[in-house]
Amino acid sequence: MSAGSDILMRLFGRPQGFLGRLGGLIMARTNRACAEWVLCLLDVQPNDKVLEAGFGPGVCIELLTGLAKGGYIFGVDISEDMLAQAARRNKKAIASGHVELRRGSAASLAFANNSFDKALAINSMQVWPDALAGLREMRRVLKPGGKVALGFTPYSGQANKGLPELLGAAGFADAHVVEKGKNFCALAVKLRDGAKGAR
C-alpha cells in the first residue's frame, strides 16, 4: 500500500488515531446529504429495526433515531475511533436503549436470522475486506421482504457498475441502482425462500 493510500485508509477507510478523528469530522459533513437521501429510498418506518454497517461518525444513526422512533437501531463499525465519535453523537439514544453500537465487521454480525427490517451502508462497502461476505451476512439478518441500501458519494471511489450483480450474488433480488447528482445508491430486497424476483 502506498503512503497516500495508507493515509486515506486512516482518514476514511478504517479511521484511526488523529487522522481517523479528522476523517470522522469530514465524513460527518460530506456524507450527511447522501445518508438523508438513502434513508428516503429505504423508506424507514417508525417501528423498523434497522442495521447500519460501517456507521462512521454516527450521522446516519442519528438520522435514523428520528425516523424509527419506536424501532431499534444497531450499528457495527471496525474503527474504535468511529465507535467513540458515534457514541458521543448518539449518547441519549444509546442510554435509552434505542440505539446499540458495536465494534465489528459486516461479515460477522451477532444477530439471529431475520432480525432486521432494513439494512444499509453509506460509503462503507468499498473498504470491506470481503464485500460479498458482508452482503451475505446482511441478507441473513434481514427479515424476508427486508430492504438493503448501499449509498455512495463520488468520494467513495466505488464504481457505479456491477453493484446489482454483486447484490444478486449475495442472494438479494430486484437489485438496481438509483442516481442523484453524483451520488448513487444500490437497492435490493430479501425475498422469502423459494420466491423469485425480477433481476
N, C-alpha and C. Protein backbone atom coordinates (compact mmCIF):
# COMPACT_ATOMS: atom_id res chain seq x y z
N MET A 1 0.85 -1.19 0.00
CA MET A 1 0.00 0.00 0.00
C MET A 1 0.89 1.24 0.00
N SER A 2 0.62 2.21 -0.86
CA SER A 2 1.40 3.43 -0.93
C SER A 2 1.11 4.30 0.29
N ALA A 3 2.02 5.28 0.52
CA ALA A 3 1.83 6.18 1.66
C ALA A 3 0.51 6.95 1.53
N GLY A 4 0.17 7.39 0.30
CA GLY A 4 -1.08 8.11 0.08
C GLY A 4 -2.30 7.25 0.38
N SER A 5 -2.26 6.00 -0.07
CA SER A 5 -3.37 5.08 0.19
C SER A 5 -3.51 4.79 1.67
N ASP A 6 -2.38 4.66 2.37
CA ASP A 6 -2.40 4.40 3.81
C ASP A 6 -3.04 5.57 4.56
N ILE A 7 -2.71 6.79 4.15
CA ILE A 7 -3.29 7.98 4.80
C ILE A 7 -4.80 8.02 4.56
N LEU A 8 -5.24 7.73 3.33
CA LEU A 8 -6.67 7.72 3.03
C LEU A 8 -7.41 6.67 3.84
N MET A 9 -6.79 5.49 4.01
CA MET A 9 -7.43 4.44 4.82
C MET A 9 -7.55 4.88 6.28
N ARG A 10 -6.51 5.55 6.79
CA ARG A 10 -6.54 6.02 8.18
C ARG A 10 -7.55 7.15 8.38
N LEU A 11 -7.75 7.93 7.32
CA LEU A 11 -8.74 9.01 7.37
C LEU A 11 -10.16 8.49 7.24
N PHE A 12 -10.39 7.64 6.22
CA PHE A 12 -11.77 7.30 5.84
C PHE A 12 -12.08 5.80 5.80
N GLY A 13 -11.12 4.97 5.40
CA GLY A 13 -11.41 3.54 5.22
C GLY A 13 -11.56 2.80 6.53
N ARG A 14 -10.50 2.87 7.35
CA ARG A 14 -10.53 2.28 8.69
C ARG A 14 -9.94 3.33 9.63
N PRO A 15 -10.73 4.35 9.94
CA PRO A 15 -10.19 5.51 10.66
C PRO A 15 -9.56 5.14 11.99
N GLN A 16 -8.36 5.73 12.22
CA GLN A 16 -7.69 5.51 13.50
C GLN A 16 -6.77 6.68 13.82
N GLY A 17 -6.59 6.91 15.10
CA GLY A 17 -5.71 7.97 15.55
C GLY A 17 -6.21 9.36 15.18
N PHE A 18 -5.26 10.31 15.17
CA PHE A 18 -5.62 11.69 14.85
C PHE A 18 -6.25 11.79 13.47
N LEU A 19 -5.66 11.10 12.48
CA LEU A 19 -6.21 11.15 11.12
C LEU A 19 -7.63 10.58 11.08
N GLY A 20 -7.86 9.53 11.83
CA GLY A 20 -9.19 8.94 11.88
C GLY A 20 -10.22 9.87 12.47
N ARG A 21 -9.84 10.56 13.54
CA ARG A 21 -10.76 11.52 14.16
C ARG A 21 -11.06 12.67 13.21
N LEU A 22 -10.02 13.13 12.50
CA LEU A 22 -10.21 14.18 11.50
C LEU A 22 -11.10 13.67 10.36
N GLY A 23 -10.85 12.45 9.92
CA GLY A 23 -11.68 11.85 8.87
C GLY A 23 -13.14 11.76 9.28
N GLY A 24 -13.38 11.44 10.55
CA GLY A 24 -14.75 11.37 11.05
C GLY A 24 -15.46 12.70 10.96
N LEU A 25 -14.76 13.77 11.30
CA LEU A 25 -15.36 15.11 11.20
C LEU A 25 -15.69 15.47 9.76
N ILE A 26 -14.79 15.08 8.84
CA ILE A 26 -15.03 15.35 7.42
C ILE A 26 -16.22 14.52 6.93
N MET A 27 -16.25 13.24 7.30
CA MET A 27 -17.35 12.36 6.86
C MET A 27 -18.69 12.82 7.40
N ALA A 28 -18.70 13.35 8.60
CA ALA A 28 -19.96 13.81 9.19
C ALA A 28 -20.60 14.89 8.32
N ARG A 29 -19.77 15.71 7.67
CA ARG A 29 -20.29 16.77 6.80
C ARG A 29 -20.59 16.24 5.40
N THR A 30 -19.65 15.49 4.82
CA THR A 30 -19.78 15.12 3.40
C THR A 30 -20.78 13.99 3.16
N ASN A 31 -21.05 13.16 4.15
CA ASN A 31 -21.95 12.02 3.94
C ASN A 31 -23.39 12.30 4.33
N ARG A 32 -23.65 13.40 5.01
CA ARG A 32 -24.99 13.64 5.57
C ARG A 32 -26.09 13.70 4.50
N ALA A 33 -25.87 14.47 3.43
CA ALA A 33 -26.91 14.60 2.40
C ALA A 33 -27.17 13.27 1.73
N CYS A 34 -26.11 12.50 1.49
CA CYS A 34 -26.28 11.17 0.89
C CYS A 34 -27.07 10.26 1.84
N ALA A 35 -26.76 10.32 3.12
CA ALA A 35 -27.47 9.50 4.11
C ALA A 35 -28.96 9.84 4.15
N GLU A 36 -29.28 11.13 4.13
CA GLU A 36 -30.69 11.55 4.15
C GLU A 36 -31.42 11.00 2.93
N TRP A 37 -30.79 11.08 1.78
CA TRP A 37 -31.39 10.58 0.54
C TRP A 37 -31.58 9.07 0.58
N VAL A 38 -30.55 8.34 1.03
CA VAL A 38 -30.62 6.88 1.10
C VAL A 38 -31.73 6.43 2.06
N LEU A 39 -31.88 7.12 3.17
CA LEU A 39 -32.93 6.76 4.12
C LEU A 39 -34.32 6.98 3.53
N CYS A 40 -34.47 8.00 2.69
CA CYS A 40 -35.74 8.20 1.98
C CYS A 40 -36.00 7.03 1.03
N LEU A 41 -34.98 6.61 0.29
CA LEU A 41 -35.13 5.48 -0.63
C LEU A 41 -35.46 4.19 0.12
N LEU A 42 -34.89 4.06 1.31
CA LEU A 42 -35.10 2.85 2.11
C LEU A 42 -36.48 2.82 2.75
N ASP A 43 -37.13 3.99 2.82
CA ASP A 43 -38.49 4.10 3.36
C ASP A 43 -38.56 3.55 4.78
N VAL A 44 -37.72 4.10 5.65
CA VAL A 44 -37.68 3.67 7.05
C VAL A 44 -38.98 4.07 7.74
N GLN A 45 -39.58 3.09 8.43
CA GLN A 45 -40.85 3.29 9.13
C GLN A 45 -40.63 3.43 10.64
N PRO A 46 -41.59 4.01 11.37
CA PRO A 46 -41.40 4.31 12.79
C PRO A 46 -41.01 3.12 13.66
N ASN A 47 -41.50 1.92 13.34
CA ASN A 47 -41.20 0.77 14.18
C ASN A 47 -40.17 -0.19 13.59
N ASP A 48 -39.46 0.25 12.57
CA ASP A 48 -38.47 -0.61 11.93
C ASP A 48 -37.27 -0.88 12.83
N LYS A 49 -36.73 -2.08 12.66
CA LYS A 49 -35.42 -2.42 13.22
C LYS A 49 -34.43 -2.28 12.08
N VAL A 50 -33.41 -1.44 12.29
CA VAL A 50 -32.50 -1.06 11.19
C VAL A 50 -31.05 -1.32 11.58
N LEU A 51 -30.30 -1.85 10.63
CA LEU A 51 -28.87 -2.12 10.80
C LEU A 51 -28.07 -1.21 9.87
N GLU A 52 -27.05 -0.54 10.41
CA GLU A 52 -26.09 0.16 9.56
C GLU A 52 -24.72 -0.46 9.73
N ALA A 53 -24.12 -0.87 8.61
CA ALA A 53 -22.77 -1.43 8.62
C ALA A 53 -21.79 -0.34 8.22
N GLY A 54 -20.81 -0.07 9.08
CA GLY A 54 -19.86 1.00 8.82
C GLY A 54 -20.45 2.36 9.10
N PHE A 55 -20.85 2.60 10.35
CA PHE A 55 -21.59 3.83 10.68
C PHE A 55 -20.72 5.08 10.77
N GLY A 56 -19.39 4.92 10.75
CA GLY A 56 -18.51 6.09 10.78
C GLY A 56 -18.78 6.97 11.98
N PRO A 57 -18.90 8.29 11.79
CA PRO A 57 -19.12 9.19 12.92
C PRO A 57 -20.54 9.18 13.47
N GLY A 58 -21.42 8.36 12.92
CA GLY A 58 -22.74 8.17 13.50
C GLY A 58 -23.82 9.13 13.05
N VAL A 59 -23.59 9.85 11.93
CA VAL A 59 -24.57 10.80 11.43
C VAL A 59 -25.84 10.10 10.96
N CYS A 60 -25.69 9.02 10.21
CA CYS A 60 -26.87 8.28 9.72
C CYS A 60 -27.62 7.63 10.89
N ILE A 61 -26.89 7.14 11.88
CA ILE A 61 -27.54 6.59 13.08
C ILE A 61 -28.40 7.67 13.72
N GLU A 62 -27.86 8.87 13.82
CA GLU A 62 -28.61 9.99 14.40
C GLU A 62 -29.87 10.29 13.59
N LEU A 63 -29.76 10.29 12.27
CA LEU A 63 -30.93 10.50 11.42
C LEU A 63 -31.96 9.39 11.61
N LEU A 64 -31.49 8.18 11.75
CA LEU A 64 -32.39 7.03 11.94
C LEU A 64 -33.20 7.15 13.22
N THR A 65 -32.61 7.71 14.26
CA THR A 65 -33.35 7.83 15.53
C THR A 65 -34.59 8.70 15.38
N GLY A 66 -34.55 9.64 14.44
CA GLY A 66 -35.71 10.48 14.18
C GLY A 66 -36.76 9.82 13.31
N LEU A 67 -36.36 8.80 12.55
CA LEU A 67 -37.30 8.12 11.65
C LEU A 67 -37.92 6.88 12.29
N ALA A 68 -37.07 6.07 12.93
CA ALA A 68 -37.55 4.82 13.56
C ALA A 68 -37.68 5.07 15.07
N LYS A 69 -38.57 5.98 15.41
CA LYS A 69 -38.71 6.41 16.81
C LYS A 69 -39.16 5.30 17.74
N GLY A 70 -39.95 4.37 17.22
CA GLY A 70 -40.41 3.25 18.04
C GLY A 70 -39.69 1.96 17.73
N GLY A 71 -38.64 2.05 16.92
CA GLY A 71 -37.91 0.86 16.49
C GLY A 71 -36.61 0.68 17.25
N TYR A 72 -35.67 0.05 16.59
CA TYR A 72 -34.38 -0.28 17.19
C TYR A 72 -33.32 -0.09 16.11
N ILE A 73 -32.22 0.54 16.47
CA ILE A 73 -31.15 0.82 15.51
C ILE A 73 -29.86 0.21 16.02
N PHE A 74 -29.23 -0.57 15.17
CA PHE A 74 -27.96 -1.22 15.52
C PHE A 74 -26.90 -0.83 14.50
N GLY A 75 -25.71 -0.53 14.99
CA GLY A 75 -24.62 -0.20 14.08
C GLY A 75 -23.37 -0.98 14.42
N VAL A 76 -22.61 -1.33 13.38
CA VAL A 76 -21.33 -2.01 13.55
C VAL A 76 -20.29 -1.28 12.71
N ASP A 77 -19.12 -1.06 13.28
CA ASP A 77 -18.03 -0.40 12.57
C ASP A 77 -16.71 -0.98 13.08
N ILE A 78 -15.75 -1.11 12.17
CA ILE A 78 -14.47 -1.72 12.51
C ILE A 78 -13.57 -0.77 13.30
N SER A 79 -13.85 0.54 13.26
CA SER A 79 -12.96 1.54 13.85
C SER A 79 -13.37 1.91 15.28
N GLU A 80 -12.41 1.77 16.18
CA GLU A 80 -12.61 2.16 17.58
C GLU A 80 -12.86 3.67 17.68
N ASP A 81 -12.16 4.45 16.86
CA ASP A 81 -12.33 5.91 16.89
C ASP A 81 -13.71 6.32 16.40
N MET A 82 -14.24 5.63 15.37
CA MET A 82 -15.58 5.95 14.88
C MET A 82 -16.63 5.52 15.90
N LEU A 83 -16.39 4.42 16.57
CA LEU A 83 -17.31 3.98 17.63
C LEU A 83 -17.41 5.06 18.70
N ALA A 84 -16.25 5.64 19.08
CA ALA A 84 -16.25 6.69 20.11
C ALA A 84 -16.99 7.94 19.62
N GLN A 85 -16.74 8.36 18.38
CA GLN A 85 -17.42 9.55 17.84
C GLN A 85 -18.92 9.33 17.74
N ALA A 86 -19.30 8.17 17.20
CA ALA A 86 -20.72 7.88 17.02
C ALA A 86 -21.43 7.74 18.36
N ALA A 87 -20.75 7.18 19.35
CA ALA A 87 -21.35 7.03 20.68
C ALA A 87 -21.59 8.39 21.32
N ARG A 88 -20.66 9.32 21.13
CA ARG A 88 -20.87 10.68 21.67
C ARG A 88 -22.04 11.36 20.96
N ARG A 89 -22.11 11.21 19.65
CA ARG A 89 -23.17 11.86 18.87
C ARG A 89 -24.55 11.30 19.22
N ASN A 90 -24.62 10.04 19.62
CA ASN A 90 -25.90 9.37 19.87
C ASN A 90 -26.05 8.94 21.33
N LYS A 91 -25.44 9.70 22.22
CA LYS A 91 -25.39 9.35 23.64
C LYS A 91 -26.77 9.10 24.25
N LYS A 92 -27.71 10.00 24.02
CA LYS A 92 -29.05 9.86 24.63
C LYS A 92 -29.78 8.64 24.09
N ALA A 93 -29.70 8.42 22.78
CA ALA A 93 -30.40 7.28 22.17
C ALA A 93 -29.81 5.96 22.65
N ILE A 94 -28.51 5.93 22.87
CA ILE A 94 -27.86 4.72 23.39
C ILE A 94 -28.31 4.48 24.83
N ALA A 95 -28.32 5.54 25.63
CA ALA A 95 -28.73 5.43 27.04
C ALA A 95 -30.16 4.95 27.18
N SER A 96 -31.02 5.31 26.22
CA SER A 96 -32.43 4.91 26.29
C SER A 96 -32.66 3.50 25.76
N GLY A 97 -31.63 2.90 25.16
CA GLY A 97 -31.79 1.55 24.60
C GLY A 97 -32.32 1.54 23.18
N HIS A 98 -32.48 2.72 22.59
CA HIS A 98 -33.00 2.85 21.22
C HIS A 98 -31.92 2.50 20.19
N VAL A 99 -30.66 2.73 20.55
CA VAL A 99 -29.52 2.51 19.65
C VAL A 99 -28.48 1.66 20.35
N GLU A 100 -27.88 0.75 19.59
CA GLU A 100 -26.75 -0.03 20.08
C GLU A 100 -25.66 0.00 19.02
N LEU A 101 -24.45 0.35 19.45
CA LEU A 101 -23.31 0.42 18.54
C LEU A 101 -22.22 -0.52 19.05
N ARG A 102 -21.60 -1.25 18.10
CA ARG A 102 -20.53 -2.17 18.47
C ARG A 102 -19.38 -2.07 17.48
N ARG A 103 -18.20 -2.43 17.95
CA ARG A 103 -17.06 -2.56 17.06
C ARG A 103 -17.11 -3.95 16.45
N GLY A 104 -17.01 -4.01 15.13
CA GLY A 104 -17.05 -5.30 14.47
C GLY A 104 -17.17 -5.15 12.97
N SER A 105 -17.33 -6.28 12.32
CA SER A 105 -17.33 -6.34 10.86
C SER A 105 -18.70 -6.71 10.33
N ALA A 106 -19.01 -6.19 9.14
CA ALA A 106 -20.26 -6.57 8.47
C ALA A 106 -20.29 -8.06 8.16
N ALA A 107 -19.12 -8.67 8.03
CA ALA A 107 -19.04 -10.08 7.67
C ALA A 107 -19.31 -11.01 8.85
N SER A 108 -19.50 -10.45 10.04
CA SER A 108 -19.76 -11.28 11.22
C SER A 108 -20.69 -10.51 12.16
N LEU A 109 -21.99 -10.66 11.95
CA LEU A 109 -22.99 -9.92 12.72
C LEU A 109 -23.58 -10.80 13.81
N ALA A 110 -23.60 -10.28 15.02
CA ALA A 110 -24.03 -11.06 16.18
C ALA A 110 -25.55 -11.01 16.36
N PHE A 111 -26.27 -11.40 15.32
CA PHE A 111 -27.73 -11.42 15.38
C PHE A 111 -28.25 -12.69 14.74
N ALA A 112 -29.44 -13.08 15.20
CA ALA A 112 -30.10 -14.25 14.62
C ALA A 112 -30.60 -13.92 13.22
N ASN A 113 -30.89 -14.94 12.45
CA ASN A 113 -31.50 -14.77 11.14
C ASN A 113 -32.79 -13.95 11.27
N ASN A 114 -33.10 -13.18 10.24
CA ASN A 114 -34.40 -12.48 10.15
C ASN A 114 -34.66 -11.50 11.30
N SER A 115 -33.63 -10.73 11.67
CA SER A 115 -33.75 -9.81 12.81
C SER A 115 -34.16 -8.39 12.42
N PHE A 116 -33.84 -7.95 11.20
CA PHE A 116 -34.00 -6.54 10.84
C PHE A 116 -34.95 -6.33 9.66
N ASP A 117 -35.60 -5.17 9.67
CA ASP A 117 -36.47 -4.78 8.56
C ASP A 117 -35.69 -4.12 7.43
N LYS A 118 -34.64 -3.36 7.78
CA LYS A 118 -33.85 -2.61 6.81
C LYS A 118 -32.37 -2.71 7.19
N ALA A 119 -31.52 -2.61 6.17
CA ALA A 119 -30.07 -2.58 6.40
C ALA A 119 -29.44 -1.64 5.38
N LEU A 120 -28.36 -0.99 5.80
CA LEU A 120 -27.72 -0.05 4.88
C LEU A 120 -26.26 0.13 5.20
N ALA A 121 -25.57 0.71 4.23
CA ALA A 121 -24.17 1.12 4.38
C ALA A 121 -23.97 2.36 3.52
N ILE A 122 -23.33 3.38 4.08
CA ILE A 122 -23.04 4.62 3.35
C ILE A 122 -21.52 4.76 3.23
N ASN A 123 -21.02 4.83 2.00
CA ASN A 123 -19.57 4.99 1.77
C ASN A 123 -18.75 4.03 2.62
N SER A 124 -19.17 2.78 2.67
CA SER A 124 -18.54 1.82 3.56
C SER A 124 -18.14 0.53 2.85
N MET A 125 -19.02 -0.01 2.03
CA MET A 125 -18.80 -1.33 1.45
C MET A 125 -17.50 -1.43 0.67
N GLN A 126 -17.07 -0.33 0.05
CA GLN A 126 -15.90 -0.37 -0.80
C GLN A 126 -14.61 -0.67 -0.04
N VAL A 127 -14.62 -0.54 1.29
CA VAL A 127 -13.41 -0.84 2.07
C VAL A 127 -13.55 -2.12 2.89
N TRP A 128 -14.65 -2.83 2.75
CA TRP A 128 -14.77 -4.11 3.45
C TRP A 128 -13.78 -5.10 2.86
N PRO A 129 -13.13 -5.91 3.69
CA PRO A 129 -12.19 -6.91 3.15
C PRO A 129 -12.85 -7.89 2.18
N ASP A 130 -14.11 -8.22 2.44
CA ASP A 130 -14.85 -9.15 1.57
C ASP A 130 -16.30 -8.65 1.46
N ALA A 131 -16.56 -7.87 0.41
CA ALA A 131 -17.88 -7.26 0.25
C ALA A 131 -18.98 -8.30 0.11
N LEU A 132 -18.71 -9.37 -0.62
CA LEU A 132 -19.73 -10.40 -0.82
C LEU A 132 -20.09 -11.06 0.50
N ALA A 133 -19.10 -11.37 1.33
CA ALA A 133 -19.37 -11.97 2.65
C ALA A 133 -20.19 -11.03 3.52
N GLY A 134 -19.86 -9.73 3.48
CA GLY A 134 -20.62 -8.76 4.27
C GLY A 134 -22.06 -8.65 3.81
N LEU A 135 -22.28 -8.66 2.49
CA LEU A 135 -23.65 -8.57 1.97
C LEU A 135 -24.45 -9.84 2.28
N ARG A 136 -23.81 -10.99 2.20
CA ARG A 136 -24.50 -12.24 2.56
C ARG A 136 -24.92 -12.24 4.02
N GLU A 137 -24.05 -11.69 4.86
CA GLU A 137 -24.37 -11.62 6.28
C GLU A 137 -25.51 -10.62 6.53
N MET A 138 -25.49 -9.51 5.81
CA MET A 138 -26.59 -8.55 5.94
C MET A 138 -27.91 -9.18 5.48
N ARG A 139 -27.84 -9.95 4.41
CA ARG A 139 -29.05 -10.64 3.94
C ARG A 139 -29.55 -11.63 4.99
N ARG A 140 -28.64 -12.34 5.62
CA ARG A 140 -29.02 -13.34 6.63
C ARG A 140 -29.82 -12.71 7.76
N VAL A 141 -29.38 -11.52 8.22
CA VAL A 141 -30.05 -10.92 9.38
C VAL A 141 -31.28 -10.10 9.00
N LEU A 142 -31.51 -9.90 7.70
CA LEU A 142 -32.74 -9.22 7.26
C LEU A 142 -33.93 -10.17 7.28
N LYS A 143 -35.09 -9.63 7.61
CA LYS A 143 -36.33 -10.40 7.52
C LYS A 143 -36.72 -10.59 6.06
N PRO A 144 -37.45 -11.64 5.73
CA PRO A 144 -37.99 -11.75 4.37
C PRO A 144 -38.80 -10.51 4.02
N GLY A 145 -38.54 -9.94 2.86
CA GLY A 145 -39.16 -8.69 2.47
C GLY A 145 -38.36 -7.47 2.89
N GLY A 146 -37.30 -7.69 3.66
CA GLY A 146 -36.46 -6.60 4.12
C GLY A 146 -35.64 -5.99 2.99
N LYS A 147 -35.32 -4.71 3.12
CA LYS A 147 -34.60 -3.99 2.08
C LYS A 147 -33.18 -3.63 2.52
N VAL A 148 -32.28 -3.61 1.54
CA VAL A 148 -30.91 -3.17 1.77
C VAL A 148 -30.61 -2.00 0.84
N ALA A 149 -29.81 -1.05 1.32
CA ALA A 149 -29.40 0.09 0.51
C ALA A 149 -27.91 0.34 0.73
N LEU A 150 -27.19 0.51 -0.37
CA LEU A 150 -25.76 0.82 -0.34
C LEU A 150 -25.56 2.17 -1.00
N GLY A 151 -25.30 3.20 -0.21
CA GLY A 151 -25.17 4.55 -0.75
C GLY A 151 -23.72 4.96 -0.90
N PHE A 152 -23.45 5.74 -1.95
CA PHE A 152 -22.08 6.17 -2.22
C PHE A 152 -22.06 7.62 -2.71
N THR A 153 -21.09 8.38 -2.23
CA THR A 153 -20.79 9.70 -2.77
C THR A 153 -19.65 9.54 -3.76
N PRO A 154 -19.35 10.57 -4.55
CA PRO A 154 -18.25 10.45 -5.50
C PRO A 154 -16.89 10.29 -4.82
N TYR A 155 -16.81 10.61 -3.52
CA TYR A 155 -15.55 10.48 -2.78
C TYR A 155 -15.25 9.05 -2.36
N SER A 156 -16.21 8.16 -2.51
CA SER A 156 -16.04 6.78 -2.03
C SER A 156 -15.02 5.99 -2.85
N GLY A 157 -14.90 6.32 -4.13
CA GLY A 157 -14.04 5.52 -5.00
C GLY A 157 -14.74 4.28 -5.52
N GLN A 158 -15.98 4.07 -5.13
CA GLN A 158 -16.75 2.90 -5.57
C GLN A 158 -17.28 3.13 -6.99
N ALA A 159 -17.13 2.12 -7.84
CA ALA A 159 -17.68 2.18 -9.19
C ALA A 159 -19.19 2.01 -9.15
N ASN A 160 -19.87 2.71 -10.04
CA ASN A 160 -21.33 2.62 -10.12
C ASN A 160 -21.77 1.29 -10.74
N LYS A 161 -20.92 0.70 -11.54
CA LYS A 161 -21.28 -0.54 -12.24
C LYS A 161 -21.02 -1.78 -11.39
N GLY A 162 -21.79 -2.82 -11.65
CA GLY A 162 -21.56 -4.11 -11.02
C GLY A 162 -22.24 -4.33 -9.69
N LEU A 163 -22.86 -3.30 -9.13
CA LEU A 163 -23.49 -3.45 -7.81
C LEU A 163 -24.72 -4.35 -7.84
N PRO A 164 -25.61 -4.24 -8.85
CA PRO A 164 -26.74 -5.17 -8.88
C PRO A 164 -26.29 -6.64 -8.97
N GLU A 165 -25.24 -6.88 -9.74
CA GLU A 165 -24.73 -8.25 -9.87
C GLU A 165 -24.16 -8.74 -8.54
N LEU A 166 -23.46 -7.86 -7.83
CA LEU A 166 -22.90 -8.23 -6.53
C LEU A 166 -24.01 -8.55 -5.53
N LEU A 167 -25.05 -7.72 -5.50
CA LEU A 167 -26.19 -7.99 -4.61
C LEU A 167 -26.89 -9.28 -5.00
N GLY A 168 -27.02 -9.55 -6.30
CA GLY A 168 -27.61 -10.81 -6.75
C GLY A 168 -26.80 -12.00 -6.30
N ALA A 169 -25.46 -11.88 -6.37
CA ALA A 169 -24.59 -12.97 -5.94
C ALA A 169 -24.71 -13.23 -4.44
N ALA A 170 -25.08 -12.18 -3.68
CA ALA A 170 -25.27 -12.32 -2.23
C ALA A 170 -26.65 -12.88 -1.88
N GLY A 171 -27.51 -13.08 -2.90
CA GLY A 171 -28.82 -13.68 -2.66
C GLY A 171 -29.98 -12.70 -2.66
N PHE A 172 -29.71 -11.43 -2.93
CA PHE A 172 -30.78 -10.44 -2.98
C PHE A 172 -31.49 -10.47 -4.33
N ALA A 173 -32.68 -9.92 -4.36
CA ALA A 173 -33.47 -9.83 -5.59
C ALA A 173 -33.82 -8.38 -5.88
N ASP A 174 -34.29 -8.14 -7.11
CA ASP A 174 -34.75 -6.81 -7.53
C ASP A 174 -33.67 -5.74 -7.33
N ALA A 175 -32.42 -6.10 -7.53
CA ALA A 175 -31.31 -5.16 -7.33
C ALA A 175 -31.25 -4.15 -8.47
N HIS A 176 -31.09 -2.89 -8.10
CA HIS A 176 -30.97 -1.83 -9.10
C HIS A 176 -30.26 -0.64 -8.48
N VAL A 177 -29.80 0.27 -9.33
CA VAL A 177 -29.07 1.45 -8.87
C VAL A 177 -29.87 2.71 -9.21
N VAL A 178 -29.94 3.62 -8.25
CA VAL A 178 -30.60 4.91 -8.41
C VAL A 178 -29.53 5.99 -8.27
N GLU A 179 -29.62 7.03 -9.09
CA GLU A 179 -28.64 8.12 -9.03
C GLU A 179 -29.31 9.43 -8.67
N LYS A 180 -28.55 10.26 -7.96
CA LYS A 180 -29.00 11.63 -7.66
C LYS A 180 -27.76 12.52 -7.69
N GLY A 181 -27.65 13.31 -8.74
CA GLY A 181 -26.44 14.09 -8.91
C GLY A 181 -25.26 13.16 -9.06
N LYS A 182 -24.25 13.35 -8.24
CA LYS A 182 -23.06 12.48 -8.29
C LYS A 182 -23.14 11.33 -7.30
N ASN A 183 -24.18 11.32 -6.48
CA ASN A 183 -24.39 10.21 -5.54
C ASN A 183 -25.16 9.08 -6.22
N PHE A 184 -24.96 7.86 -5.75
CA PHE A 184 -25.75 6.74 -6.25
C PHE A 184 -25.99 5.74 -5.14
N CYS A 185 -27.05 4.96 -5.32
CA CYS A 185 -27.47 4.01 -4.28
C CYS A 185 -27.93 2.72 -4.94
N ALA A 186 -27.42 1.60 -4.46
CA ALA A 186 -27.87 0.29 -4.91
C ALA A 186 -28.89 -0.23 -3.91
N LEU A 187 -30.04 -0.66 -4.42
CA LEU A 187 -31.14 -1.14 -3.58
C LEU A 187 -31.50 -2.56 -3.97
N ALA A 188 -31.93 -3.35 -2.98
CA ALA A 188 -32.35 -4.72 -3.26
C ALA A 188 -33.24 -5.20 -2.11
N VAL A 189 -33.84 -6.37 -2.32
CA VAL A 189 -34.79 -6.94 -1.36
C VAL A 189 -34.41 -8.38 -1.06
N LYS A 190 -34.66 -8.79 0.19
CA LYS A 190 -34.54 -10.20 0.53
C LYS A 190 -35.91 -10.85 0.35
N LEU A 191 -36.00 -11.77 -0.59
CA LEU A 191 -37.27 -12.47 -0.81
C LEU A 191 -37.38 -13.65 0.13
N ARG A 192 -38.60 -14.12 0.29
CA ARG A 192 -38.81 -15.34 1.05
C ARG A 192 -38.17 -16.50 0.30
N ASP A 193 -37.69 -17.48 1.04
CA ASP A 193 -37.08 -18.64 0.39
C ASP A 193 -38.02 -19.24 -0.64
N GLY A 194 -37.50 -19.47 -1.82
CA GLY A 194 -38.31 -20.08 -2.88
C GLY A 194 -39.00 -19.05 -3.77
N ALA A 195 -39.07 -17.80 -3.29
CA ALA A 195 -39.72 -16.76 -4.12
C ALA A 195 -38.73 -16.28 -5.17
N LYS A 196 -39.25 -15.85 -6.31
CA LYS A 196 -38.42 -15.38 -7.41
C LYS A 196 -38.77 -13.93 -7.70
N GLY A 197 -37.72 -13.12 -7.88
CA GLY A 197 -37.93 -11.70 -8.18
C GLY A 197 -37.29 -11.34 -9.49
N ALA A 198 -37.61 -10.17 -9.96
CA ALA A 198 -37.02 -9.67 -11.20
C ALA A 198 -35.56 -9.39 -10.99
N ARG A 199 -34.77 -9.66 -12.01
CA ARG A 199 -33.34 -9.41 -11.94
C ARG A 199 -32.96 -8.24 -12.81
